[in-house]
PDB file of N, CA and C in Angstrom:
ATOM      1  N   MET A   1       3.595 127.456  61.747  1.00  0.00           N
ATOM      2  CA  MET A   1       4.390 126.261  61.546  1.00  0.00           C
ATOM      3  C   MET A   1       5.626 126.307  62.442  1.00  0.00           C
ATOM      4  N   VAL A   2       5.873 125.229  63.165  1.00  0.00           N
ATOM      5  CA  VAL A   2       6.979 125.167  64.110  1.00  0.00           C
ATOM      6  C   VAL A   2       8.158 124.436  63.458  1.00  0.00           C
ATOM      7  N   ASP A   3       9.352 124.959  63.675  1.00  0.00           N
ATOM      8  CA  ASP A   3      10.566 124.355  63.140  1.00  0.00           C
ATOM      9  C   ASP A   3      10.777 122.976  63.774  1.00  0.00           C
ATOM     10  N   ILE A   4      11.063 121.984  62.940  1.00  0.00           N
ATOM     11  CA  ILE A   4      11.257 120.608  63.418  1.00  0.00           C
ATOM     12  C   ILE A   4      12.433 120.517  64.396  1.00  0.00           C
ATOM     13  N   ALA A   5      13.434 121.380  64.230  1.00  0.00           N
ATOM     14  CA  ALA A   5      14.582 121.381  65.145  1.00  0.00           C
ATOM     15  C   ALA A   5      14.140 121.751  66.560  1.00  0.00           C
ATOM     16  N   LEU A   6      13.194 122.702  66.676  1.00  0.00           N
ATOM     17  CA  LEU A   6      12.666 123.078  68.000  1.00  0.00           C
ATOM     18  C   LEU A   6      11.896 121.922  68.625  1.00  0.00           C
ATOM     19  N   ILE A   7      11.101 121.249  67.807  1.00  0.00           N
ATOM     20  CA  ILE A   7      10.338 120.097  68.305  1.00  0.00           C
ATOM     21  C   ILE A   7      11.298 119.036  68.815  1.00  0.00           C
ATOM     22  N   LYS A   8      12.330 118.750  68.030  1.00  0.00           N
ATOM     23  CA  LYS A   8      13.320 117.742  68.419  1.00  0.00           C
ATOM     24  C   LYS A   8      14.036 118.143  69.708  1.00  0.00           C
ATOM     25  N   GLN A   9      14.396 119.411  69.798  1.00  0.00           N
ATOM     26  CA  GLN A   9      15.090 119.906  70.997  1.00  0.00           C
ATOM     27  C   GLN A   9      14.216 119.749  72.241  1.00  0.00           C
ATOM     28  N   LEU A  10      12.949 120.101  72.132  1.00  0.00           N
ATOM     29  CA  LEU A  10      12.024 119.985  73.264  1.00  0.00           C
ATOM     30  C   LEU A  10      11.808 118.521  73.637  1.00  0.00           C
ATOM     31  N   ARG A  11      11.679 117.672  72.645  1.00  0.00           N
ATOM     32  CA  ARG A  11      11.479 116.235  72.909  1.00  0.00           C
ATOM     33  C   ARG A  11      12.689 115.635  73.616  1.00  0.00           C
ATOM     34  N   GLU A  12      13.897 115.979  73.156  1.00  0.00           N
ATOM     35  CA  GLU A  12      15.118 115.456  73.782  1.00  0.00           C
ATOM     36  C   GLU A  12      15.253 115.929  75.225  1.00  0.00           C
ATOM     37  N   LYS A  13      14.767 117.118  75.490  1.00  0.00           N
ATOM     38  CA  LYS A  13      14.872 117.675  76.845  1.00  0.00           C
ATOM     39  C   LYS A  13      13.808 117.116  77.792  1.00  0.00           C
ATOM     40  N   THR A  14      12.594 116.863  77.259  1.00  0.00           N
ATOM     41  CA  THR A  14      11.474 116.486  78.129  1.00  0.00           C
ATOM     42  C   THR A  14      11.004 115.048  77.969  1.00  0.00           C
ATOM     43  N   PHE A  15      11.408 114.377  76.881  1.00  0.00           N
ATOM     44  CA  PHE A  15      10.955 113.017  76.556  1.00  0.00           C
ATOM     45  C   PHE A  15       9.449 112.935  76.332  1.00  0.00           C
ATOM     46  N   ALA A  16       8.817 114.070  76.071  1.00  0.00           N
ATOM     47  CA  ALA A  16       7.382 114.100  75.794  1.00  0.00           C
ATOM     48  C   ALA A  16       7.135 113.606  74.366  1.00  0.00           C
ATOM     49  N   PRO A  17       5.938 113.110  74.082  1.00  0.00           N
ATOM     50  CA  PRO A  17       5.620 112.679  72.716  1.00  0.00           C
ATOM     51  C   PRO A  17       5.748 113.843  71.720  1.00  0.00           C
ATOM     52  N   LEU A  18       6.145 113.508  70.491  1.00  0.00           N
ATOM     53  CA  LEU A  18       6.325 114.529  69.454  1.00  0.00           C
ATOM     54  C   LEU A  18       5.076 115.373  69.254  1.00  0.00           C
ATOM     55  N   LYS A  19       3.931 114.713  69.259  1.00  0.00           N
ATOM     56  CA  LYS A  19       2.657 115.426  69.061  1.00  0.00           C
ATOM     57  C   LYS A  19       2.473 116.498  70.135  1.00  0.00           C
ATOM     58  N   ASP A  20       2.734 116.133  71.387  1.00  0.00           N
ATOM     59  CA  ASP A  20       2.595 117.094  72.483  1.00  0.00           C
ATOM     60  C   ASP A  20       3.604 118.231  72.352  1.00  0.00           C
ATOM     61  N   CYS A  21       4.843 117.890  71.964  1.00  0.00           N
ATOM     62  CA  CYS A  21       5.868 118.919  71.786  1.00  0.00           C
ATOM     63  C   CYS A  21       5.448 119.920  70.717  1.00  0.00           C
ATOM     64  N   LYS A  22       4.943 119.402  69.609  1.00  0.00           N
ATOM     65  CA  LYS A  22       4.505 120.280  68.521  1.00  0.00           C
ATOM     66  C   LYS A  22       3.359 121.184  68.981  1.00  0.00           C
ATOM     67  N   GLU A  23       2.383 120.600  69.682  1.00  0.00           N
ATOM     68  CA  GLU A  23       1.222 121.374  70.147  1.00  0.00           C
ATOM     69  C   GLU A  23       1.631 122.531  71.058  1.00  0.00           C
ATOM     70  N   VAL A  24       2.471 122.232  72.047  1.00  0.00           N
ATOM     71  CA  VAL A  24       2.832 123.284  73.000  1.00  0.00           C
ATOM     72  C   VAL A  24       3.741 124.330  72.369  1.00  0.00           C
ATOM     73  N   LEU A  25       4.569 123.935  71.415  1.00  0.00           N
ATOM     74  CA  LEU A  25       5.392 124.923  70.721  1.00  0.00           C
ATOM     75  C   LEU A  25       4.534 125.846  69.859  1.00  0.00           C
ATOM     76  N   GLU A  26       3.489 125.297  69.264  1.00  0.00           N
ATOM     77  CA  GLU A  26       2.568 126.137  68.499  1.00  0.00           C
ATOM     78  C   GLU A  26       1.837 127.104  69.424  1.00  0.00           C
ATOM     79  N   GLN A  27       1.412 126.610  70.583  1.00  0.00           N
ATOM     80  CA  GLN A  27       0.703 127.463  71.544  1.00  0.00           C
ATOM     81  C   GLN A  27       1.609 128.576  72.082  1.00  0.00           C
ATOM     82  N   SER A  28       2.900 128.251  72.240  1.00  0.00           N
ATOM     83  CA  SER A  28       3.831 129.219  72.828  1.00  0.00           C
ATOM     84  C   SER A  28       4.583 130.026  71.775  1.00  0.00           C
ATOM     85  N   ASN A  29       4.184 129.896  70.507  1.00  0.00           N
ATOM     86  CA  ASN A  29       4.832 130.619  69.404  1.00  0.00           C
ATOM     87  C   ASN A  29       6.338 130.362  69.352  1.00  0.00           C
ATOM     88  N   GLY A  30       6.743 129.109  69.601  1.00  0.00           N
ATOM     89  CA  GLY A  30       8.142 128.721  69.490  1.00  0.00           C
ATOM     90  C   GLY A  30       8.997 129.019  70.697  1.00  0.00           C
ATOM     91  N   ASP A  31       8.416 129.482  71.791  1.00  0.00           N
ATOM     92  CA  ASP A  31       9.165 129.789  73.017  1.00  0.00           C
ATOM     93  C   ASP A  31       9.384 128.495  73.801  1.00  0.00           C
ATOM     94  N   LEU A  32      10.641 128.029  73.869  1.00  0.00           N
ATOM     95  CA  LEU A  32      10.939 126.757  74.527  1.00  0.00           C
ATOM     96  C   LEU A  32      10.617 126.768  76.020  1.00  0.00           C
ATOM     97  N   VAL A  33      10.905 127.865  76.692  1.00  0.00           N
ATOM     98  CA  VAL A  33      10.639 127.951  78.135  1.00  0.00           C
ATOM     99  C   VAL A  33       9.141 127.848  78.400  1.00  0.00           C
ATOM    100  N   GLU A  34       8.372 128.587  77.640  1.00  0.00           N
ATOM    101  CA  GLU A  34       6.910 128.546  77.798  1.00  0.00           C
ATOM    102  C   GLU A  34       6.370 127.164  77.414  1.00  0.00           C
ATOM    103  N   ALA A  35       6.952 126.563  76.384  1.00  0.00           N
ATOM    104  CA  ALA A  35       6.514 125.236  75.939  1.00  0.00           C
ATOM    105  C   ALA A  35       6.748 124.198  77.030  1.00  0.00           C
ATOM    106  N   GLU A  36       7.897 124.275  77.694  1.00  0.00           N
ATOM    107  CA  GLU A  36       8.173 123.350  78.809  1.00  0.00           C
ATOM    108  C   GLU A  36       7.145 123.533  79.918  1.00  0.00           C
ATOM    109  N   LYS A  37       6.821 124.769  80.220  1.00  0.00           N
ATOM    110  CA  LYS A  37       5.828 125.065  81.260  1.00  0.00           C
ATOM    111  C   LYS A  37       4.481 124.450  80.877  1.00  0.00           C
ATOM    112  N   LEU A  38       4.083 124.621  79.611  1.00  0.00           N
ATOM    113  CA  LEU A  38       2.823 124.049  79.147  1.00  0.00           C
ATOM    114  C   LEU A  38       2.838 122.519  79.212  1.00  0.00           C
ATOM    115  N   LEU A  39       3.982 121.918  78.878  1.00  0.00           N
ATOM    116  CA  LEU A  39       4.090 120.455  78.969  1.00  0.00           C
ATOM    117  C   LEU A  39       3.936 119.979  80.408  1.00  0.00           C
ATOM    118  N   ARG A  40       4.555 120.699  81.345  1.00  0.00           N
ATOM    119  CA  ARG A  40       4.425 120.324  82.766  1.00  0.00           C
ATOM    120  C   ARG A  40       2.970 120.393  83.210  1.00  0.00           C
ATOM    121  N   GLU A  41       2.279 121.458  82.805  1.00  0.00           N
ATOM    122  CA  GLU A  41       0.858 121.602  83.171  1.00  0.00           C
ATOM    123  C   GLU A  41       0.033 120.476  82.550  1.00  0.00           C
ATOM    124  N   LYS A  42       0.315 120.175  81.292  1.00  0.00           N
ATOM    125  CA  LYS A  42      -0.394 119.106  80.598  1.00  0.00           C
ATOM    126  C   LYS A  42      -0.121 117.763  81.278  1.00  0.00           C
ATOM    127  N   GLY A  43       1.130 117.541  81.677  1.00  0.00           N
ATOM    128  CA  GLY A  43       1.501 116.305  82.369  1.00  0.00           C
ATOM    129  C   GLY A  43       0.829 116.186  83.724  1.00  0.00           C
ATOM    130  N   ALA A  44       0.712 117.304  84.430  1.00  0.00           N
ATOM    131  CA  ALA A  44       0.053 117.297  85.734  1.00  0.00           C
ATOM    132  C   ALA A  44      -1.417 116.926  85.579  1.00  0.00           C
ATOM    133  N   LEU A  45      -2.056 117.428  84.523  1.00  0.00           N
ATOM    134  CA  LEU A  45      -3.458 117.085  84.281  1.00  0.00           C
ATOM    135  C   LEU A  45      -3.610 115.602  83.956  1.00  0.00           C
ATOM    136  N   LYS A  46      -2.714 115.087  83.125  1.00  0.00           N
ATOM    137  CA  LYS A  46      -2.768 113.664  82.780  1.00  0.00           C
ATOM    138  C   LYS A  46      -2.544 112.812  84.026  1.00  0.00           C
ATOM    139  N   ALA A  47      -1.591 113.217  84.854  1.00  0.00           N
ATOM    140  CA  ALA A  47      -1.300 112.460  86.071  1.00  0.00           C
ATOM    141  C   ALA A  47      -2.497 112.467  87.015  1.00  0.00           C
ATOM    142  N   ALA A  48      -3.155 113.615  87.116  1.00  0.00           N
ATOM    143  CA  ALA A  48      -4.335 113.704  87.980  1.00  0.00           C
ATOM    144  C   ALA A  48      -5.431 112.774  87.481  1.00  0.00           C
ATOM    145  N   ASN A  49      -5.600 112.690  86.168  1.00  0.00           N
ATOM    146  CA  ASN A  49      -6.611 111.796  85.601  1.00  0.00           C
ATOM    147  C   ASN A  49      -6.291 110.326  85.857  1.00  0.00           C
ATOM    148  N   LYS A  50      -5.009 110.002  85.954  1.00  0.00           N
ATOM    149  CA  LYS A  50      -4.602 108.606  86.142  1.00  0.00           C
ATOM    150  C   LYS A  50      -4.387 108.244  87.611  1.00  0.00           C
ATOM    151  N   SER A  51      -4.491 109.203  88.493  1.00  0.00           N
ATOM    152  CA  SER A  51      -4.157 108.964  89.892  1.00  0.00           C
ATOM    153  C   SER A  51      -5.066 107.954  90.572  1.00  0.00           C
ATOM    154  N   ASP A  52      -6.279 107.776  90.073  1.00  0.00           N
ATOM    155  CA  ASP A  52      -7.200 106.837  90.705  1.00  0.00           C
ATOM    156  C   ASP A  52      -7.099 105.429  90.123  1.00  0.00           C
ATOM    157  N   ARG A  53      -6.202 105.220  89.162  1.00  0.00           N
ATOM    158  CA  ARG A  53      -6.042 103.899  88.567  1.00  0.00           C
ATOM    159  C   ARG A  53      -5.294 102.977  89.527  1.00  0.00           C
ATOM    160  N   ALA A  54      -5.705 101.735  89.570  1.00  0.00           N
ATOM    161  CA  ALA A  54      -5.116 100.771  90.497  1.00  0.00           C
ATOM    162  C   ALA A  54      -3.764 100.278  89.998  1.00  0.00           C
ATOM    163  N   THR A  55      -2.841 100.110  90.933  1.00  0.00           N
ATOM    164  CA  THR A  55      -1.535  99.540  90.622  1.00  0.00           C
ATOM    165  C   THR A  55      -1.427  98.225  91.382  1.00  0.00           C
ATOM    166  N   ASN A  56      -2.001  97.194  90.795  1.00  0.00           N
ATOM    167  CA  ASN A  56      -2.080  95.895  91.463  1.00  0.00           C
ATOM    168  C   ASN A  56      -0.948  94.950  91.104  1.00  0.00           C
ATOM    169  N   GLU A  57      -0.078  95.340  90.212  1.00  0.00           N
ATOM    170  CA  GLU A  57       1.046  94.503  89.797  1.00  0.00           C
ATOM    171  C   GLU A  57       2.335  95.136  90.275  1.00  0.00           C
ATOM    172  N   GLY A  58       3.449  94.418  90.154  1.00  0.00           N
ATOM    173  CA  GLY A  58       4.736  94.986  90.524  1.00  0.00           C
ATOM    174  C   GLY A  58       5.656  93.945  91.107  1.00  0.00           C
ATOM    175  N   VAL A  59       6.666  94.408  91.827  1.00  0.00           N
ATOM    176  CA  VAL A  59       7.651  93.522  92.446  1.00  0.00           C
ATOM    177  C   VAL A  59       7.869  93.940  93.893  1.00  0.00           C
ATOM    178  N   VAL A  60       8.251  92.962  94.693  1.00  0.00           N
ATOM    179  CA  VAL A  60       8.625  93.211  96.080  1.00  0.00           C
ATOM    180  C   VAL A  60      10.012  92.615  96.262  1.00  0.00           C
ATOM    181  N   LEU A  61      10.937  93.406  96.777  1.00  0.00           N
ATOM    182  CA  LEU A  61      12.308  92.955  96.990  1.00  0.00           C
ATOM    183  C   LEU A  61      12.678  93.156  98.454  1.00  0.00           C
ATOM    184  N   VAL A  62      13.427  92.198  98.990  1.00  0.00           N
ATOM    185  CA  VAL A  62      13.906  92.295 100.365  1.00  0.00           C
ATOM    186  C   VAL A  62      15.392  91.969 100.354  1.00  0.00           C
ATOM    187  N   ARG A  63      16.181  92.773 101.059  1.00  0.00           N
ATOM    188  CA  ARG A  63      17.620  92.533 101.127  1.00  0.00           C
ATOM    189  C   ARG A  63      18.085  92.696 102.565  1.00  0.00           C
ATOM    190  N   GLN A  64      18.980  91.797 102.959  1.00  0.00           N
ATOM    191  CA  GLN A  64      19.544  91.859 104.307  1.00  0.00           C
ATOM    192  C   GLN A  64      21.048  92.051 104.200  1.00  0.00           C
ATOM    193  N   GLU A  65      21.560  93.027 104.934  1.00  0.00           N
ATOM    194  CA  GLU A  65      22.992  93.290 105.037  1.00  0.00           C
ATOM    195  C   GLU A  65      23.325  93.295 106.523  1.00  0.00           C
ATOM    196  N   GLY A  66      23.939  92.236 106.989  1.00  0.00           N
ATOM    197  CA  GLY A  66      24.262  92.139 108.403  1.00  0.00           C
ATOM    198  C   GLY A  66      22.987  92.082 109.229  1.00  0.00           C
ATOM    199  N   THR A  67      22.815  93.053 110.121  1.00  0.00           N
ATOM    200  CA  THR A  67      21.627  93.089 110.972  1.00  0.00           C
ATOM    201  C   THR A  67      20.539  94.012 110.430  1.00  0.00           C
ATOM    202  N   LYS A  68      20.771  94.595 109.265  1.00  0.00           N
ATOM    203  CA  LYS A  68      19.800  95.518 108.673  1.00  0.00           C
ATOM    204  C   LYS A  68      19.040  94.841 107.539  1.00  0.00           C
ATOM    205  N   ILE A  69      17.747  95.109 107.502  1.00  0.00           N
ATOM    206  CA  ILE A  69      16.890  94.562 106.454  1.00  0.00           C
ATOM    207  C   ILE A  69      16.149  95.721 105.785  1.00  0.00           C
ATOM    208  N   ALA A  70      16.092  95.674 104.456  1.00  0.00           N
ATOM    209  CA  ALA A  70      15.372  96.705 103.708  1.00  0.00           C
ATOM    210  C   ALA A  70      14.374  96.030 102.785  1.00  0.00           C
ATOM    211  N   GLY A  71      13.220  96.641 102.631  1.00  0.00           N
ATOM    212  CA  GLY A  71      12.200  96.125 101.734  1.00  0.00           C
ATOM    213  C   GLY A  71      11.774  97.208 100.758  1.00  0.00           C
ATOM    214  N   LEU A  72      11.421  96.784  99.557  1.00  0.00           N
ATOM    215  CA  LEU A  72      10.988  97.713  98.523  1.00  0.00           C
ATOM    216  C   LEU A  72       9.803  97.116  97.787  1.00  0.00           C
ATOM    217  N   LYS A  73       8.759  97.899  97.665  1.00  0.00           N
ATOM    218  CA  LYS A  73       7.599  97.498  96.872  1.00  0.00           C
ATOM    219  C   LYS A  73       7.468  98.521  95.753  1.00  0.00           C
ATOM    220  N   LEU A  74       7.550  98.039  94.509  1.00  0.00           N
ATOM    221  CA  LEU A  74       7.448  98.898  93.341  1.00  0.00           C
ATOM    222  C   LEU A  74       6.238  98.444  92.548  1.00  0.00           C
ATOM    223  N   ALA A  75       5.220  99.291  92.489  1.00  0.00           N
ATOM    224  CA  ALA A  75       3.948  98.918  91.881  1.00  0.00           C
ATOM    225  C   ALA A  75       3.804  99.492  90.478  1.00  0.00           C
ATOM    226  N   CYS A  76       3.015  98.781  89.665  1.00  0.00           N
ATOM    227  CA  CYS A  76       2.693  99.242  88.321  1.00  0.00           C
ATOM    228  C   CYS A  76       1.283  98.758  87.973  1.00  0.00           C
ATOM    229  N   GLU A  77       0.775  99.191  86.823  1.00  0.00           N
ATOM    230  CA  GLU A  77      -0.600  98.867  86.452  1.00  0.00           C
ATOM    231  C   GLU A  77      -0.764  97.493  85.808  1.00  0.00           C
ATOM    232  N   THR A  78       0.234  97.037  85.060  1.00  0.00           N
ATOM    233  CA  THR A  78       0.057  95.800  84.301  1.00  0.00           C
ATOM    234  C   THR A  78       1.137  94.776  84.603  1.00  0.00           C
ATOM    235  N   ASP A  79       0.803  93.509  84.379  1.00  0.00           N
ATOM    236  CA  ASP A  79       1.785  92.451  84.581  1.00  0.00           C
ATOM    237  C   ASP A  79       2.861  92.482  83.499  1.00  0.00           C
ATOM    238  N   PHE A  80       2.544  93.051  82.328  1.00  0.00           N
ATOM    239  CA  PHE A  80       3.546  93.163  81.266  1.00  0.00           C
ATOM    240  C   PHE A  80       4.710  94.038  81.725  1.00  0.00           C
ATOM    241  N   VAL A  81       4.409  95.104  82.412  1.00  0.00           N
ATOM    242  CA  VAL A  81       5.438  95.981  82.935  1.00  0.00           C
ATOM    243  C   VAL A  81       6.167  95.290  84.074  1.00  0.00           C
ATOM    244  N   ALA A  82       5.442  94.640  84.948  1.00  0.00           N
ATOM    245  CA  ALA A  82       6.035  93.996  86.126  1.00  0.00           C
ATOM    246  C   ALA A  82       7.057  92.925  85.733  1.00  0.00           C
ATOM    247  N   ARG A  83       6.853  92.281  84.577  1.00  0.00           N
ATOM    248  CA  ARG A  83       7.770  91.230  84.136  1.00  0.00           C
ATOM    249  C   ARG A  83       8.898  91.757  83.262  1.00  0.00           C
ATOM    250  N   ASN A  84       8.906  93.038  82.970  1.00  0.00           N
ATOM    251  CA  ASN A  84       9.916  93.640  82.109  1.00  0.00           C
ATOM    252  C   ASN A  84      11.233  93.773  82.860  1.00  0.00           C
ATOM    253  N   GLU A  85      12.343  93.354  82.241  1.00  0.00           N
ATOM    254  CA  GLU A  85      13.646  93.398  82.896  1.00  0.00           C
ATOM    255  C   GLU A  85      14.051  94.811  83.292  1.00  0.00           C
ATOM    256  N   THR A  86      13.728  95.783  82.468  1.00  0.00           N
ATOM    257  CA  THR A  86      14.069  97.181  82.773  1.00  0.00           C
ATOM    258  C   THR A  86      13.348  97.645  84.031  1.00  0.00           C
ATOM    259  N   PHE A  87      12.092  97.257  84.192  1.00  0.00           N
ATOM    260  CA  PHE A  87      11.320  97.624  85.377  1.00  0.00           C
ATOM    261  C   PHE A  87      11.933  96.993  86.627  1.00  0.00           C
ATOM    262  N   ILE A  88      12.259  95.729  86.523  1.00  0.00           N
ATOM    263  CA  ILE A  88      12.816  95.014  87.684  1.00  0.00           C
ATOM    264  C   ILE A  88      14.189  95.561  88.015  1.00  0.00           C
TER     265      ILE A  88
END
């Protein structure tokens, strides 16, 4: 059984879901450093699984300052995210 304070501490540090924090703390016998390492590995696996997903939505911004022009394309998977004020 893992102390809830450790789970909370790991979640605040990594922003990982509570379930994942609890799992890795159980695997690491309460070692926060090892738990963070396990979370990174778990995150890398999840990212690899999602890497082939299409990002067809997003925003494109263009700004001109004097003679300089900059463009930014920020892509996401869904239109719900693309229309979110925080994303923009």
